[in-house]
Amino acid sequence: MPKTQQDFLEEARRDIPEVSAEEVEARRQRGDDFILLDVREKDEVRAGYIDGAVTIPRGFLEFQVAGQIPNTDKEVVVYCAGGARSLLAAKVLRSMGYDRVASLAGGITRWKDAGYPVVRDRQLSAEQLERYSRHFLLRQIGEKGQGKLLDAKVLLVGAGGLGSPSGLYLAAAGVGTMGIVDADVVDLSNLQRQVLHSTDRIGVLKTESAKQMINSLNPDVQVRLYNERLTVDNVMDIFRDYDIIVDGCDNFPTRYLVNDAAFFADKPVVHGSIFQFEGQASVFKPRAGPCYRCLFPTPPPPGMVPS
């Protein structure tokens, strides 16, 4: 006789221990080493989840769990909305070699009824869910990571050959706030490499041209313009509101100024430089490794290296 849904649940209850919301919270408060695994669908997770939980929809469990929980000896507490799917999911995990698995009795519903908190990631609009949908397929980003990108503030120093591709890709990725520092205007000679700009914007400030291109690509991005050169008088004020500095400048005095200000402001710098067909790229994070000046203590003599 074929098994019914109830048969599968009763079998799972015999094989899988259930733990209460109170027990799970007490263990979290003690700092016990275990993983909470949320097997609800994405739209359910968007409404709130237990802080720190790994999320894998039940239908993808067999395909994704090894990537997110590679250690089969790890203790795992599975939860869903009401406790049924988590029992079945835990039984599948048991068959995959995860021996220390349990199910949260009553699921997140019981958790919330007990007064325990849930967290919600940044709520994305329907358009954003579609725009960034390919990011959601990447485990390293997902919806949570996309929310962080939308909350991020990145400053581009220079909107030329290095700043242009950086700005386009940051905008496409959904970085929510982008500052652009540049005092130059678009010149015809820029257009074979500075892809933020176009022929119809020759003579326009590069910052204004960059804003037009960025917002045409992604209107989510708030673009702040600094139509000025970076100096010792303004650098700290400009850097203050940003999480990351992208150094795309074309001269050594500004490059060293960026390095020194970022060090004192404790801001990481993504650095790039290029000469003909050669280039360098690096990330300088204050107090976590050397800075640009540590590697190159003094700039070359004026005129020795072309900009």
Protein backbone atom coordinates (compact mmCIF):
# COMPACT_ATOMS: atom_id res chain seq x y z
CA MET A 1 0.00 0.00 0.00
CA PRO A 2 1.46 3.45 -0.95
CA LYS A 3 2.61 5.66 1.91
CA THR A 4 0.63 8.78 2.70
CA GLN A 5 1.99 12.14 3.74
CA GLN A 6 1.10 11.29 7.31
CA ASP A 7 3.03 8.03 7.05
CA PHE A 8 6.15 9.92 5.98
CA LEU A 9 5.75 12.40 8.85
CA GLU A 10 5.25 9.70 11.47
CA GLU A 11 8.28 7.85 10.17
CA ALA A 12 10.33 11.04 10.33
CA ARG A 13 9.17 11.73 13.90
CA ARG A 14 10.36 8.28 14.95
CA ASP A 15 13.78 8.88 13.41
CA ILE A 16 14.39 12.58 14.03
CA PRO A 17 14.47 14.23 17.47
CA GLU A 18 12.50 17.46 17.90
CA VAL A 19 13.73 20.35 20.01
CA SER A 20 11.71 23.23 21.43
CA ALA A 21 12.13 26.90 20.61
CA GLU A 22 13.10 27.49 24.25
CA GLU A 23 15.85 24.89 24.09
CA VAL A 24 17.25 26.29 20.86
CA GLU A 25 17.30 29.86 22.20
CA ALA A 26 18.94 28.76 25.44
CA ARG A 27 21.67 27.01 23.49
CA ARG A 28 22.16 30.09 21.30
CA GLN A 29 22.56 32.23 24.40
CA ARG A 30 25.16 29.81 25.76
CA GLY A 31 27.07 30.01 22.48
CA ASP A 32 26.72 26.31 21.66
CA ASP A 33 28.20 25.29 18.32
CA PHE A 34 25.39 24.23 15.99
CA ILE A 35 23.84 25.34 12.70
CA LEU A 36 20.27 26.51 12.20
CA LEU A 37 19.01 25.52 8.77
CA ASP A 38 15.92 27.24 7.33
CA VAL A 39 14.31 25.11 4.59
CA ARG A 40 11.42 27.45 3.74
CA GLU A 41 10.90 29.05 0.35
CA LYS A 42 12.53 32.38 -0.44
CA ASP A 43 9.33 34.40 -0.13
CA GLU A 44 8.82 32.98 3.37
CA VAL A 45 12.40 33.82 4.37
CA ARG A 46 11.91 37.41 3.20
CA ALA A 47 9.19 37.81 5.83
CA GLY A 48 11.73 37.04 8.58
CA TYR A 49 14.17 34.35 9.72
CA ILE A 50 16.17 33.42 12.80
CA ASP A 51 19.36 35.44 12.94
CA GLY A 52 22.38 33.48 11.70
CA ALA A 53 20.41 30.72 10.00
CA VAL A 54 21.58 29.10 6.79
CA THR A 55 18.79 29.20 4.21
CA ILE A 56 18.24 26.46 1.62
CA PRO A 57 14.77 25.92 0.14
CA ARG A 58 13.60 22.36 0.72
CA GLY A 59 13.49 21.63 -3.01
CA PHE A 60 17.20 22.45 -3.37
CA LEU A 61 18.42 20.78 -0.19
CA GLU A 62 20.04 17.74 -1.75
CA PHE A 63 21.83 19.92 -4.32
CA GLN A 64 23.07 22.74 -2.09
CA VAL A 65 23.61 21.49 1.44
CA ALA A 66 27.11 20.12 0.84
CA GLY A 67 28.24 23.54 -0.36
CA GLN A 68 26.84 25.38 2.65
CA ILE A 69 27.34 22.74 5.34
CA PRO A 70 30.30 20.67 4.15
CA ASN A 71 31.00 19.06 7.54
CA THR A 72 28.57 16.18 8.03
CA ASP A 73 29.64 15.91 11.69
CA LYS A 74 28.22 19.36 12.41
CA GLU A 75 25.11 19.52 14.56
CA VAL A 76 22.18 20.91 12.55
CA VAL A 77 18.75 22.07 13.75
CA VAL A 78 16.34 22.33 10.83
CA TYR A 79 13.28 24.54 10.86
CA CYS A 80 10.42 25.52 8.57
CA ALA A 81 7.10 27.31 9.13
CA GLY A 82 5.34 24.74 11.28
CA GLY A 83 7.66 21.78 11.77
CA ALA A 84 6.58 19.33 9.06
CA ARG A 85 8.95 20.15 6.21
CA SER A 86 11.84 20.36 8.65
CA LEU A 87 11.21 16.81 9.84
CA LEU A 88 11.28 15.51 6.29
CA ALA A 89 14.32 17.61 5.45
CA ALA A 90 16.14 16.37 8.54
CA LYS A 91 15.43 12.80 7.51
CA VAL A 92 16.96 13.49 4.10
CA LEU A 93 20.02 14.98 5.80
CA ARG A 94 20.31 11.87 7.95
CA SER A 95 20.36 9.74 4.78
CA MET A 96 23.11 12.00 3.39
CA GLY A 97 25.37 11.30 6.36
CA TYR A 98 24.45 14.17 8.71
CA ASP A 99 24.07 12.20 11.91
CA ARG A 100 23.50 15.05 14.36
CA VAL A 101 20.26 16.52 13.05
CA ALA A 102 17.10 17.64 14.82
CA SER A 103 13.92 19.52 13.89
CA LEU A 104 12.56 22.66 15.56
CA ALA A 105 9.14 21.68 16.92
CA GLY A 106 6.47 24.06 15.66
CA GLY A 107 8.93 25.81 13.34
CA ILE A 108 9.43 29.54 13.19
CA THR A 109 5.75 30.01 14.08
CA ARG A 110 6.39 28.56 17.52
CA TRP A 111 9.62 30.56 17.74
CA LYS A 112 7.78 33.84 17.18
CA ASP A 113 4.93 32.82 19.50
CA ALA A 114 7.54 32.38 22.23
CA GLY A 115 8.56 36.01 21.74
CA TYR A 116 11.94 35.35 20.19
CA PRO A 117 13.17 37.78 17.52
CA VAL A 118 13.45 37.28 13.79
CA VAL A 119 15.41 39.42 11.34
CA ARG A 120 14.42 40.70 7.93
CA ASP A 121 16.86 41.54 5.19
CA ARG A 122 16.41 44.65 3.11
CA GLN A 123 13.09 44.30 1.29
CA LEU A 124 13.58 44.36 -2.47
CA SER A 125 10.99 45.61 -4.93
CA ALA A 126 9.61 43.36 -7.66
CA GLU A 127 11.83 45.18 -10.17
CA GLN A 128 14.90 44.67 -8.00
CA LEU A 129 14.12 40.99 -7.55
CA GLU A 130 14.18 40.63 -11.32
CA ARG A 131 17.14 42.98 -11.96
CA TYR A 132 19.44 41.21 -9.50
CA SER A 133 18.02 37.70 -9.93
CA ARG A 134 21.29 36.33 -11.33
CA HIS A 135 23.06 37.46 -8.17
CA PHE A 136 20.64 35.39 -6.12
CA LEU A 137 21.97 32.26 -7.82
CA LEU A 138 25.41 32.95 -6.36
CA ARG A 139 25.69 31.54 -2.86
CA GLN A 140 28.31 34.15 -1.97
CA ILE A 141 25.82 36.98 -2.68
CA GLY A 142 22.16 35.92 -2.59
CA GLU A 143 19.43 38.30 -1.49
CA LYS A 144 21.21 39.13 1.76
CA GLY A 145 24.36 40.13 -0.08
CA GLN A 146 22.37 42.16 -2.57
CA GLY A 147 20.83 44.09 0.28
CA LYS A 148 24.33 44.89 1.54
CA LEU A 149 25.34 46.10 -1.93
CA LEU A 150 22.32 48.39 -2.07
CA ASP A 151 23.26 49.81 1.33
CA ALA A 152 26.92 50.25 0.37
CA LYS A 153 28.58 53.61 -0.34
CA VAL A 154 31.56 53.62 -2.72
CA LEU A 155 33.63 56.64 -3.77
CA LEU A 156 35.28 56.76 -7.19
CA VAL A 157 38.33 58.99 -7.32
CA GLY A 158 38.45 59.73 -11.03
CA ALA A 159 35.92 59.08 -13.80
CA GLY A 160 38.43 58.30 -16.53
CA GLY A 161 40.00 55.14 -17.87
CA LEU A 162 39.94 53.29 -14.54
CA GLY A 163 36.91 54.91 -12.98
CA SER A 164 34.72 54.30 -16.03
CA PRO A 165 34.58 50.48 -16.01
CA SER A 166 34.57 50.49 -12.21
CA GLY A 167 31.57 52.81 -12.16
CA LEU A 168 29.65 50.80 -14.72
CA TYR A 169 30.13 47.49 -12.97
CA LEU A 170 29.43 48.89 -9.51
CA ALA A 171 26.23 50.42 -10.86
CA ALA A 172 25.20 47.21 -12.61
CA ALA A 173 25.89 45.25 -9.41
CA GLY A 174 23.55 47.53 -7.47
CA VAL A 175 25.88 49.51 -5.21
CA GLY A 176 23.34 51.90 -3.74
CA THR A 177 25.40 55.09 -3.36
CA MET A 178 28.30 56.13 -5.54
CA GLY A 179 30.35 59.30 -5.14
CA ILE A 180 32.44 60.56 -8.05
CA VAL A 181 35.35 62.98 -7.69
CA ASP A 182 36.61 64.57 -10.90
CA ALA A 183 37.14 68.17 -12.05
CA ASP A 184 37.72 67.49 -15.77
CA VAL A 185 35.36 67.66 -18.74
CA VAL A 186 34.83 65.01 -21.39
CA ASP A 187 37.26 65.31 -24.30
CA LEU A 188 37.11 63.55 -27.66
CA SER A 189 40.45 61.87 -26.87
CA ASN A 190 38.89 60.23 -23.81
CA LEU A 191 36.32 58.21 -25.72
CA GLN A 192 38.47 55.29 -26.90
CA ARG A 193 38.73 54.06 -23.30
CA GLN A 194 36.53 56.06 -20.90
CA VAL A 195 33.32 54.13 -21.43
CA LEU A 196 31.24 56.18 -18.98
CA HIS A 197 31.18 58.99 -21.56
CA SER A 198 29.92 59.49 -25.12
CA THR A 199 30.35 61.79 -28.09
CA ASP A 200 27.24 63.85 -27.33
CA ARG A 201 28.70 64.74 -23.92
CA ILE A 202 32.00 66.21 -25.09
CA GLY A 203 32.63 69.35 -23.03
CA VAL A 204 30.37 68.19 -20.19
CA LEU A 205 31.81 67.70 -16.72
CA LYS A 206 32.92 64.09 -16.35
CA THR A 207 30.98 63.76 -13.12
CA GLU A 208 27.75 64.86 -14.83
CA SER A 209 28.42 62.60 -17.81
CA ALA A 210 29.14 59.67 -15.48
CA LYS A 211 25.92 60.26 -13.54
CA GLN A 212 23.87 60.19 -16.76
CA MET A 213 25.40 56.89 -17.84
CA ILE A 214 25.17 55.27 -14.41
CA ASN A 215 21.53 56.21 -13.88
CA SER A 216 20.60 55.13 -17.40
CA LEU A 217 22.06 51.73 -16.53
CA ASN A 218 20.62 51.49 -13.02
CA PRO A 219 18.28 54.11 -11.53
CA ASP A 220 18.68 52.47 -8.10
CA VAL A 221 22.08 54.13 -7.71
CA GLN A 222 22.25 57.47 -5.89
CA VAL A 223 25.13 59.38 -7.48
CA ARG A 224 26.87 62.16 -5.54
CA LEU A 225 29.06 64.52 -7.54
CA TYR A 226 32.25 66.28 -6.46
CA ASN A 227 33.26 68.60 -9.30
CA GLU A 228 36.62 69.38 -7.77
CA ARG A 229 40.10 68.06 -7.43
CA LEU A 230 40.95 66.07 -4.34
CA THR A 231 43.16 68.11 -2.00
CA VAL A 232 44.41 68.01 1.57
CA ASP A 233 41.68 70.53 2.39
CA ASN A 234 38.69 68.47 1.20
CA VAL A 235 39.79 64.83 1.22
CA MET A 236 38.77 63.91 4.75
CA ASP A 237 35.35 65.54 4.39
CA ILE A 238 34.71 63.70 1.13
CA PHE A 239 35.94 60.31 2.37
CA ARG A 240 33.94 60.46 5.59
CA ASP A 241 30.63 59.09 4.29
CA TYR A 242 31.94 56.19 2.20
CA ASP A 243 32.67 52.54 2.96
CA ILE A 244 35.24 51.90 0.21
CA ILE A 245 37.45 54.18 -1.88
CA VAL A 246 38.19 53.21 -5.50
CA ASP A 247 41.43 54.85 -6.60
CA GLY A 248 41.24 55.53 -10.32
CA CYS A 249 43.35 58.69 -10.35
CA ASP A 250 45.97 59.41 -13.01
CA ASN A 251 48.75 61.14 -11.04
CA PHE A 252 51.03 60.28 -8.16
CA PRO A 253 50.32 63.21 -5.82
CA THR A 254 46.62 62.32 -5.73
CA ARG A 255 47.40 58.62 -5.36
CA TYR A 256 49.53 59.25 -2.28
CA LEU A 257 46.92 61.65 -0.91
CA VAL A 258 44.24 58.97 -1.33
CA ASN A 259 46.43 56.44 0.45
CA ASP A 260 47.25 58.68 3.41
CA ALA A 261 43.72 59.98 3.91
CA ALA A 262 42.25 56.47 3.68
CA PHE A 263 44.72 55.24 6.26
CA PHE A 264 43.76 57.93 8.76
CA ALA A 265 40.04 57.54 7.95
CA ASP A 266 40.33 53.72 8.26
CA LYS A 267 38.83 53.19 4.79
CA PRO A 268 39.88 50.34 2.47
CA VAL A 269 41.19 51.41 -0.92
CA VAL A 270 40.75 49.44 -4.13
CA HIS A 271 43.70 50.58 -6.19
CA GLY A 272 44.29 50.27 -9.90
CA SER A 273 46.91 51.66 -12.25
CA ILE A 274 47.77 51.06 -15.87
CA PHE A 275 50.49 51.85 -18.40
CA GLN A 276 49.88 50.80 -21.99
CA PHE A 277 49.28 47.02 -21.76
CA GLU A 278 50.43 46.58 -18.18
CA GLY A 279 48.42 47.11 -15.05
CA GLN A 280 48.33 46.68 -11.30
CA ALA A 281 45.40 46.08 -8.98
CA SER A 282 45.36 45.72 -5.22
CA VAL A 283 43.27 46.27 -2.12
CA PHE A 284 44.82 48.22 0.74
CA LYS A 285 43.02 47.80 4.05
CA PRO A 286 44.37 49.94 6.89
CA ARG A 287 45.94 47.98 9.75
CA ALA A 288 45.28 44.67 7.99
CA GLY A 289 48.30 44.84 5.71
CA PRO A 290 50.66 47.25 3.98
CA CYS A 291 49.43 50.47 2.40
CA TYR A 292 50.44 51.92 -0.96
CA ARG A 293 53.09 54.13 0.64
CA CYS A 294 54.49 51.07 2.46
CA LEU A 295 55.15 49.43 -0.91
CA PHE A 296 56.26 52.58 -2.71
CA PRO A 297 57.60 54.99 -0.05
CA THR A 298 58.21 57.88 -2.42
CA PRO A 299 56.71 58.86 -5.77
CA PRO A 300 58.90 58.90 -8.88
CA PRO A 301 60.40 62.24 -9.95
CA PRO A 302 57.97 64.51 -11.86
CA GLY A 303 57.88 63.70 -15.55
CA MET A 304 59.54 60.31 -15.20
CA VAL A 305 56.30 58.32 -15.55
CA PRO A 306 53.59 59.50 -17.99
CA SER A 307 50.02 59.85 -16.70
